[in-house]
Amino acid sequence: MRRSPNPTRKISITIPHRIFSELEHHLSYTQSRSQYISAAIDEKLNGSDGFTIMEATTNQLMAALSSRDDVDKTLLALLLHILSK
């Protein structure tokens, strides 16, 4: 029997309901909660606090765009209108 070069270990954690709900909403049906949490812990331990564009929600991207200096007033007004919904 072959052993995995990086075996996994089952753990139990407690997180606030709000965070769990956000995680469930963020992940698709086919994505692994364990893989997502493992990657988040690995990034945090390795000093990477940010997330990639692909991980950002549409609202997060629009909020980031609205705070940029190169966004004109028309686009800013549209972004703020959409974010306020």
PDB file of N, CA and C in Angstrom:
ATOM      1  N   MET A   1       0.839  -1.178   0.000  1.00  0.00           N
ATOM      2  CA  MET A   1       0.000   0.000   0.000  1.00  0.00           C
ATOM      3  C   MET A   1       0.885   1.242   0.000  1.00  0.00           C
ATOM      4  N   ARG A   2       0.581   2.184  -0.919  1.00  0.00           N
ATOM      5  CA  ARG A   2       1.366   3.418  -1.011  1.00  0.00           C
ATOM      6  C   ARG A   2       0.891   4.435   0.006  1.00  0.00           C
ATOM      7  N   ARG A   3       1.834   5.168   0.547  1.00  0.00           N
ATOM      8  CA  ARG A   3       1.484   6.242   1.473  1.00  0.00           C
ATOM      9  C   ARG A   3       1.554   7.572   0.749  1.00  0.00           C
ATOM     10  N   SER A   4       0.668   8.455   1.107  1.00  0.00           N
ATOM     11  CA  SER A   4       0.656   9.789   0.512  1.00  0.00           C
ATOM     12  C   SER A   4       1.879  10.566   0.990  1.00  0.00           C
ATOM     13  N   PRO A   5       2.523  11.331   0.102  1.00  0.00           N
ATOM     14  CA  PRO A   5       3.662  12.144   0.531  1.00  0.00           C
ATOM     15  C   PRO A   5       3.224  13.284   1.455  1.00  0.00           C
ATOM     16  N   ASN A   6       1.940  13.607   1.428  1.00  0.00           N
ATOM     17  CA  ASN A   6       1.415  14.678   2.274  1.00  0.00           C
ATOM     18  C   ASN A   6       0.068  14.224   2.845  1.00  0.00           C
ATOM     19  N   PRO A   7       0.109  13.338   3.866  1.00  0.00           N
ATOM     20  CA  PRO A   7      -1.140  12.791   4.392  1.00  0.00           C
ATOM     21  C   PRO A   7      -2.006  13.870   5.045  1.00  0.00           C
ATOM     22  N   THR A   8      -3.294  13.625   5.073  1.00  0.00           N
ATOM     23  CA  THR A   8      -4.214  14.569   5.698  1.00  0.00           C
ATOM     24  C   THR A   8      -4.575  14.084   7.099  1.00  0.00           C
ATOM     25  N   ARG A   9      -5.116  14.998   7.876  1.00  0.00           N
ATOM     26  CA  ARG A   9      -5.549  14.671   9.236  1.00  0.00           C
ATOM     27  C   ARG A   9      -6.902  15.329   9.462  1.00  0.00           C
ATOM     28  N   LYS A  10      -7.820  14.568   9.979  1.00  0.00           N
ATOM     29  CA  LYS A  10      -9.150  15.077  10.278  1.00  0.00           C
ATOM     30  C   LYS A  10      -9.105  15.866  11.580  1.00  0.00           C
ATOM     31  N   ILE A  11      -9.684  17.076  11.559  1.00  0.00           N
ATOM     32  CA  ILE A  11      -9.778  17.895  12.774  1.00  0.00           C
ATOM     33  C   ILE A  11     -11.200  18.422  12.901  1.00  0.00           C
ATOM     34  N   SER A  12     -11.510  18.916  14.060  1.00  0.00           N
ATOM     35  CA  SER A  12     -12.803  19.546  14.302  1.00  0.00           C
ATOM     36  C   SER A  12     -12.545  20.966  14.774  1.00  0.00           C
ATOM     37  N   ILE A  13     -13.210  21.941  14.144  1.00  0.00           N
ATOM     38  CA  ILE A  13     -13.050  23.329  14.557  1.00  0.00           C
ATOM     39  C   ILE A  13     -14.418  23.949  14.780  1.00  0.00           C
ATOM     40  N   THR A  14     -14.443  25.040  15.499  1.00  0.00           N
ATOM     41  CA  THR A  14     -15.665  25.790  15.728  1.00  0.00           C
ATOM     42  C   THR A  14     -15.468  27.177  15.151  1.00  0.00           C
ATOM     43  N   ILE A  15     -16.396  27.591  14.277  1.00  0.00           N
ATOM     44  CA  ILE A  15     -16.339  28.923  13.685  1.00  0.00           C
ATOM     45  C   ILE A  15     -17.698  29.590  13.851  1.00  0.00           C
ATOM     46  N   PRO A  16     -17.724  30.911  13.835  1.00  0.00           N
ATOM     47  CA  PRO A  16     -19.008  31.604  13.950  1.00  0.00           C
ATOM     48  C   PRO A  16     -19.934  31.243  12.783  1.00  0.00           C
ATOM     49  N   HIS A  17     -21.221  31.211  13.051  1.00  0.00           N
ATOM     50  CA  HIS A  17     -22.223  30.858  12.043  1.00  0.00           C
ATOM     51  C   HIS A  17     -22.122  31.772  10.822  1.00  0.00           C
ATOM     52  N   ARG A  18     -21.861  33.059  11.042  1.00  0.00           N
ATOM     53  CA  ARG A  18     -21.758  34.011   9.941  1.00  0.00           C
ATOM     54  C   ARG A  18     -20.659  33.618   8.970  1.00  0.00           C
ATOM     55  N   ILE A  19     -19.502  33.221   9.492  1.00  0.00           N
ATOM     56  CA  ILE A  19     -18.379  32.826   8.640  1.00  0.00           C
ATOM     57  C   ILE A  19     -18.716  31.544   7.886  1.00  0.00           C
ATOM     58  N   PHE A  20     -19.340  30.602   8.578  1.00  0.00           N
ATOM     59  CA  PHE A  20     -19.737  29.358   7.920  1.00  0.00           C
ATOM     60  C   PHE A  20     -20.718  29.633   6.780  1.00  0.00           C
ATOM     61  N   SER A  21     -21.681  30.494   7.030  1.00  0.00           N
ATOM     62  CA  SER A  21     -22.665  30.830   5.999  1.00  0.00           C
ATOM     63  C   SER A  21     -22.000  31.489   4.802  1.00  0.00           C
ATOM     64  N   GLU A  22     -21.071  32.412   5.058  1.00  0.00           N
ATOM     65  CA  GLU A  22     -20.357  33.070   3.963  1.00  0.00           C
ATOM     66  C   GLU A  22     -19.540  32.067   3.161  1.00  0.00           C
ATOM     67  N   LEU A  23     -18.903  31.137   3.858  1.00  0.00           N
ATOM     68  CA  LEU A  23     -18.115  30.114   3.183  1.00  0.00           C
ATOM     69  C   LEU A  23     -19.007  29.249   2.295  1.00  0.00           C
ATOM     70  N   GLU A  24     -20.140  28.815   2.813  1.00  0.00           N
ATOM     71  CA  GLU A  24     -21.058  27.987   2.047  1.00  0.00           C
ATOM     72  C   GLU A  24     -21.580  28.734   0.818  1.00  0.00           C
ATOM     73  N   HIS A  25     -21.821  30.038   0.979  1.00  0.00           N
ATOM     74  CA  HIS A  25     -22.308  30.841  -0.139  1.00  0.00           C
ATOM     75  C   HIS A  25     -21.206  31.039  -1.182  1.00  0.00           C
ATOM     76  N   HIS A  26     -19.972  31.139  -0.722  1.00  0.00           N
ATOM     77  CA  HIS A  26     -18.824  31.398  -1.598  1.00  0.00           C
ATOM     78  C   HIS A  26     -18.439  30.181  -2.440  1.00  0.00           C
ATOM     79  N   LEU A  27     -18.520  29.007  -1.866  1.00  0.00           N
ATOM     80  CA  LEU A  27     -18.094  27.798  -2.563  1.00  0.00           C
ATOM     81  C   LEU A  27     -19.202  27.247  -3.460  1.00  0.00           C
ATOM     82  N   SER A  28     -18.791  26.709  -4.586  1.00  0.00           N
ATOM     83  CA  SER A  28     -19.761  26.037  -5.448  1.00  0.00           C
ATOM     84  C   SER A  28     -20.007  24.633  -4.901  1.00  0.00           C
ATOM     85  N   TYR A  29     -20.990  23.961  -5.476  1.00  0.00           N
ATOM     86  CA  TYR A  29     -21.352  22.621  -5.016  1.00  0.00           C
ATOM     87  C   TYR A  29     -20.194  21.633  -5.165  1.00  0.00           C
ATOM     88  N   THR A  30     -19.348  21.850  -6.166  1.00  0.00           N
ATOM     89  CA  THR A  30     -18.265  20.905  -6.441  1.00  0.00           C
ATOM     90  C   THR A  30     -16.961  21.242  -5.730  1.00  0.00           C
ATOM     91  N   GLN A  31     -16.881  22.400  -5.081  1.00  0.00           N
ATOM     92  CA  GLN A  31     -15.649  22.774  -4.394  1.00  0.00           C
ATOM     93  C   GLN A  31     -15.575  22.143  -3.011  1.00  0.00           C
ATOM     94  N   SER A  32     -14.362  21.813  -2.614  1.00  0.00           N
ATOM     95  CA  SER A  32     -14.135  21.175  -1.318  1.00  0.00           C
ATOM     96  C   SER A  32     -13.921  22.220  -0.227  1.00  0.00           C
ATOM     97  N   ARG A  33     -14.754  22.149   0.810  1.00  0.00           N
ATOM     98  CA  ARG A  33     -14.595  23.040   1.958  1.00  0.00           C
ATOM     99  C   ARG A  33     -13.243  22.808   2.623  1.00  0.00           C
ATOM    100  N   SER A  34     -12.850  21.552   2.766  1.00  0.00           N
ATOM    101  CA  SER A  34     -11.567  21.228   3.404  1.00  0.00           C
ATOM    102  C   SER A  34     -10.390  21.799   2.618  1.00  0.00           C
ATOM    103  N   GLN A  35     -10.425  21.652   1.288  1.00  0.00           N
ATOM    104  CA  GLN A  35      -9.335  22.193   0.475  1.00  0.00           C
ATOM    105  C   GLN A  35      -9.276  23.704   0.583  1.00  0.00           C
ATOM    106  N   TYR A  36     -10.425  24.364   0.582  1.00  0.00           N
ATOM    107  CA  TYR A  36     -10.469  25.822   0.683  1.00  0.00           C
ATOM    108  C   TYR A  36      -9.880  26.292   2.016  1.00  0.00           C
ATOM    109  N   ILE A  37     -10.307  25.654   3.105  1.00  0.00           N
ATOM    110  CA  ILE A  37      -9.811  26.044   4.436  1.00  0.00           C
ATOM    111  C   ILE A  37      -8.328  25.723   4.565  1.00  0.00           C
ATOM    112  N   SER A  38      -7.882  24.581   4.049  1.00  0.00           N
ATOM    113  CA  SER A  38      -6.454  24.229   4.090  1.00  0.00           C
ATOM    114  C   SER A  38      -5.624  25.255   3.335  1.00  0.00           C
ATOM    115  N   ALA A  39      -6.092  25.669   2.161  1.00  0.00           N
ATOM    116  CA  ALA A  39      -5.370  26.668   1.369  1.00  0.00           C
ATOM    117  C   ALA A  39      -5.328  28.007   2.095  1.00  0.00           C
ATOM    118  N   ALA A  40      -6.427  28.382   2.748  1.00  0.00           N
ATOM    119  CA  ALA A  40      -6.468  29.645   3.494  1.00  0.00           C
ATOM    120  C   ALA A  40      -5.483  29.623   4.667  1.00  0.00           C
ATOM    121  N   ILE A  41      -5.420  28.511   5.380  1.00  0.00           N
ATOM    122  CA  ILE A  41      -4.481  28.383   6.498  1.00  0.00           C
ATOM    123  C   ILE A  41      -3.049  28.420   5.981  1.00  0.00           C
ATOM    124  N   ASP A  42      -2.785  27.710   4.892  1.00  0.00           N
ATOM    125  CA  ASP A  42      -1.446  27.689   4.299  1.00  0.00           C
ATOM    126  C   ASP A  42      -1.016  29.089   3.875  1.00  0.00           C
ATOM    127  N   GLU A  43      -1.908  29.840   3.231  1.00  0.00           N
ATOM    128  CA  GLU A  43      -1.586  31.202   2.814  1.00  0.00           C
ATOM    129  C   GLU A  43      -1.298  32.084   4.015  1.00  0.00           C
ATOM    130  N   LYS A  44      -2.094  31.959   5.053  1.00  0.00           N
ATOM    131  CA  LYS A  44      -1.901  32.765   6.267  1.00  0.00           C
ATOM    132  C   LYS A  44      -0.569  32.423   6.933  1.00  0.00           C
ATOM    133  N   LEU A  45      -0.245  31.136   7.027  1.00  0.00           N
ATOM    134  CA  LEU A  45       1.008  30.722   7.655  1.00  0.00           C
ATOM    135  C   LEU A  45       2.229  31.150   6.849  1.00  0.00           C
ATOM    136  N   ASN A  46       2.061  31.251   5.525  1.00  0.00           N
ATOM    137  CA  ASN A  46       3.171  31.651   4.664  1.00  0.00           C
ATOM    138  C   ASN A  46       3.206  33.155   4.412  1.00  0.00           C
ATOM    139  N   GLY A  47       2.395  33.914   5.143  1.00  0.00           N
ATOM    140  CA  GLY A  47       2.454  35.366   5.072  1.00  0.00           C
ATOM    141  C   GLY A  47       1.665  36.000   3.952  1.00  0.00           C
ATOM    142  N   SER A  48       0.832  35.252   3.280  1.00  0.00           N
ATOM    143  CA  SER A  48       0.024  35.805   2.195  1.00  0.00           C
ATOM    144  C   SER A  48      -1.374  36.060   2.720  1.00  0.00           C
ATOM    145  N   ASP A  49      -1.651  37.318   3.087  1.00  0.00           N
ATOM    146  CA  ASP A  49      -2.955  37.665   3.650  1.00  0.00           C
ATOM    147  C   ASP A  49      -3.986  38.018   2.584  1.00  0.00           C
ATOM    148  N   GLY A  50      -3.536  38.292   1.363  1.00  0.00           N
ATOM    149  CA  GLY A  50      -4.454  38.713   0.320  1.00  0.00           C
ATOM    150  C   GLY A  50      -5.115  37.543  -0.365  1.00  0.00           C
ATOM    151  N   PHE A  51      -5.991  37.863  -1.293  1.00  0.00           N
ATOM    152  CA  PHE A  51      -6.627  36.839  -2.088  1.00  0.00           C
ATOM    153  C   PHE A  51      -6.468  37.216  -3.549  1.00  0.00           C
ATOM    154  N   THR A  52      -6.690  36.276  -4.395  1.00  0.00           N
ATOM    155  CA  THR A  52      -6.532  36.538  -5.814  1.00  0.00           C
ATOM    156  C   THR A  52      -7.823  37.124  -6.375  1.00  0.00           C
ATOM    157  N   ILE A  53      -7.733  37.697  -7.547  1.00  0.00           N
ATOM    158  CA  ILE A  53      -8.901  38.262  -8.207  1.00  0.00           C
ATOM    159  C   ILE A  53      -9.956  37.191  -8.439  1.00  0.00           C
ATOM    160  N   MET A  54      -9.510  35.994  -8.767  1.00  0.00           N
ATOM    161  CA  MET A  54     -10.455  34.913  -9.033  1.00  0.00           C
ATOM    162  C   MET A  54     -11.264  34.534  -7.790  1.00  0.00           C
ATOM    163  N   GLU A  55     -10.729  34.781  -6.609  1.00  0.00           N
ATOM    164  CA  GLU A  55     -11.430  34.451  -5.367  1.00  0.00           C
ATOM    165  C   GLU A  55     -12.374  35.557  -4.918  1.00  0.00           C
ATOM    166  N   ALA A  56     -12.215  36.751  -5.472  1.00  0.00           N
ATOM    167  CA  ALA A  56     -13.022  37.895  -5.061  1.00  0.00           C
ATOM    168  C   ALA A  56     -14.445  37.775  -5.595  1.00  0.00           C
ATOM    169  N   THR A  57     -15.385  38.224  -4.787  1.00  0.00           N
ATOM    170  CA  THR A  57     -16.761  38.288  -5.257  1.00  0.00           C
ATOM    171  C   THR A  57     -16.907  39.507  -6.162  1.00  0.00           C
ATOM    172  N   THR A  58     -17.975  39.544  -6.920  1.00  0.00           N
ATOM    173  CA  THR A  58     -18.236  40.684  -7.801  1.00  0.00           C
ATOM    174  C   THR A  58     -18.340  41.969  -6.985  1.00  0.00           C
ATOM    175  N   ASN A  59     -19.025  41.913  -5.843  1.00  0.00           N
ATOM    176  CA  ASN A  59     -19.134  43.106  -4.995  1.00  0.00           C
ATOM    177  C   ASN A  59     -17.777  43.555  -4.473  1.00  0.00           C
ATOM    178  N   GLN A  60     -16.899  42.628  -4.121  1.00  0.00           N
ATOM    179  CA  GLN A  60     -15.561  42.995  -3.660  1.00  0.00           C
ATOM    180  C   GLN A  60     -14.779  43.674  -4.776  1.00  0.00           C
ATOM    181  N   LEU A  61     -14.900  43.151  -5.988  1.00  0.00           N
ATOM    182  CA  LEU A  61     -14.207  43.760  -7.124  1.00  0.00           C
ATOM    183  C   LEU A  61     -14.736  45.164  -7.403  1.00  0.00           C
ATOM    184  N   MET A  62     -16.052  45.318  -7.369  1.00  0.00           N
ATOM    185  CA  MET A  62     -16.634  46.632  -7.630  1.00  0.00           C
ATOM    186  C   MET A  62     -16.268  47.621  -6.532  1.00  0.00           C
ATOM    187  N   ALA A  63     -16.224  47.170  -5.280  1.00  0.00           N
ATOM    188  CA  ALA A  63     -15.821  48.051  -4.184  1.00  0.00           C
ATOM    189  C   ALA A  63     -14.366  48.479  -4.344  1.00  0.00           C
ATOM    190  N   ALA A  64     -13.512  47.561  -4.769  1.00  0.00           N
ATOM    191  CA  ALA A  64     -12.109  47.900  -4.997  1.00  0.00           C
ATOM    192  C   ALA A  64     -11.982  48.901  -6.142  1.00  0.00           C
ATOM    193  N   LEU A  65     -12.743  48.695  -7.207  1.00  0.00           N
ATOM    194  CA  LEU A  65     -12.718  49.631  -8.336  1.00  0.00           C
ATOM    195  C   LEU A  65     -13.170  51.025  -7.914  1.00  0.00           C
ATOM    196  N   SER A  66     -14.191  51.098  -7.064  1.00  0.00           N
ATOM    197  CA  SER A  66     -14.716  52.404  -6.664  1.00  0.00           C
ATOM    198  C   SER A  66     -13.734  53.206  -5.832  1.00  0.00           C
ATOM    199  N   SER A  67     -12.724  52.560  -5.262  1.00  0.00           N
ATOM    200  CA  SER A  67     -11.756  53.284  -4.446  1.00  0.00           C
ATOM    201  C   SER A  67     -10.488  53.660  -5.217  1.00  0.00           C
ATOM    202  N   ARG A  68     -10.432  53.320  -6.505  1.00  0.00           N
ATOM    203  CA  ARG A  68      -9.264  53.647  -7.331  1.00  0.00           C
ATOM    204  C   ARG A  68      -9.313  55.094  -7.793  1.00  0.00           C
ATOM    205  N   ASP A  69      -8.140  55.691  -7.949  1.00  0.00           N
ATOM    206  CA  ASP A  69      -8.044  57.079  -8.399  1.00  0.00           C
ATOM    207  C   ASP A  69      -8.345  57.248  -9.883  1.00  0.00           C
ATOM    208  N   ASP A  70      -8.168  56.198 -10.675  1.00  0.00           N
ATOM    209  CA  ASP A  70      -8.351  56.318 -12.124  1.00  0.00           C
ATOM    210  C   ASP A  70      -9.775  56.008 -12.599  1.00  0.00           C
ATOM    211  N   VAL A  71     -10.734  55.916 -11.681  1.00  0.00           N
ATOM    212  CA  VAL A  71     -12.127  55.680 -12.037  1.00  0.00           C
ATOM    213  C   VAL A  71     -12.818  57.035 -12.177  1.00  0.00           C
ATOM    214  N   ASP A  72     -13.415  57.285 -13.360  1.00  0.00           N
ATOM    215  CA  ASP A  72     -14.068  58.582 -13.567  1.00  0.00           C
ATOM    216  C   ASP A  72     -15.384  58.659 -12.798  1.00  0.00           C
ATOM    217  N   LYS A  73     -15.946  59.853 -12.722  1.00  0.00           N
ATOM    218  CA  LYS A  73     -17.139  60.092 -11.903  1.00  0.00           C
ATOM    219  C   LYS A  73     -18.344  59.287 -12.372  1.00  0.00           C
ATOM    220  N   THR A  74     -18.487  59.095 -13.681  1.00  0.00           N
ATOM    221  CA  THR A  74     -19.623  58.334 -14.205  1.00  0.00           C
ATOM    222  C   THR A  74     -19.543  56.873 -13.774  1.00  0.00           C
ATOM    223  N   LEU A  75     -18.379  56.262 -13.936  1.00  0.00           N
ATOM    224  CA  LEU A  75     -18.206  54.872 -13.524  1.00  0.00           C
ATOM    225  C   LEU A  75     -18.359  54.740 -12.014  1.00  0.00           C
ATOM    226  N   LEU A  76     -17.810  55.703 -11.271  1.00  0.00           N
ATOM    227  CA  LEU A  76     -17.932  55.670  -9.812  1.00  0.00           C
ATOM    228  C   LEU A  76     -19.405  55.721  -9.400  1.00  0.00           C
ATOM    229  N   ALA A  77     -20.181  56.589 -10.037  1.00  0.00           N
ATOM    230  CA  ALA A  77     -21.607  56.700  -9.706  1.00  0.00           C
ATOM    231  C   ALA A  77     -22.322  55.382 -10.003  1.00  0.00           C
ATOM    232  N   LEU A  78     -21.999  54.756 -11.137  1.00  0.00           N
ATOM    233  CA  LEU A  78     -22.617  53.467 -11.466  1.00  0.00           C
ATOM    234  C   LEU A  78     -22.238  52.383 -10.470  1.00  0.00           C
ATOM    235  N   LEU A  79     -20.957  52.319 -10.119  1.00  0.00           N
ATOM    236  CA  LEU A  79     -20.506  51.306  -9.153  1.00  0.00           C
ATOM    237  C   LEU A  79     -21.193  51.489  -7.808  1.00  0.00           C
ATOM    238  N   LEU A  80     -21.251  52.721  -7.330  1.00  0.00           N
ATOM    239  CA  LEU A  80     -21.873  52.986  -6.033  1.00  0.00           C
ATOM    240  C   LEU A  80     -23.369  52.683  -6.078  1.00  0.00           C
ATOM    241  N   HIS A  81     -24.012  52.960  -7.191  1.00  0.00           N
ATOM    242  CA  HIS A  81     -25.432  52.642  -7.327  1.00  0.00           C
ATOM    243  C   HIS A  81     -25.652  51.128  -7.254  1.00  0.00           C
ATOM    244  N   ILE A  82     -24.835  50.381  -7.955  1.00  0.00           N
ATOM    245  CA  ILE A  82     -24.967  48.923  -7.958  1.00  0.00           C
ATOM    246  C   ILE A  82     -24.642  48.343  -6.578  1.00  0.00           C
ATOM    247  N   LEU A  83     -23.616  48.869  -5.930  1.00  0.00           N
ATOM    248  CA  LEU A  83     -23.224  48.354  -4.616  1.00  0.00           C
ATOM    249  C   LEU A  83     -24.279  48.663  -3.552  1.00  0.00           C
ATOM    250  N   SER A  84     -25.040  49.694  -3.752  1.00  0.00           N
ATOM    251  CA  SER A  84     -26.042  50.072  -2.743  1.00  0.00           C
ATOM    252  C   SER A  84     -27.284  49.186  -2.757  1.00  0.00           C
ATOM    253  N   LYS A  85     -27.401  48.337  -3.786  1.00  0.00           N
ATOM    254  CA  LYS A  85     -28.569  47.438  -3.887  1.00  0.00           C
ATOM    255  C   LYS A  85     -28.450  46.277  -2.953  1.00  0.00           C
TER     256      LYS A  85
END
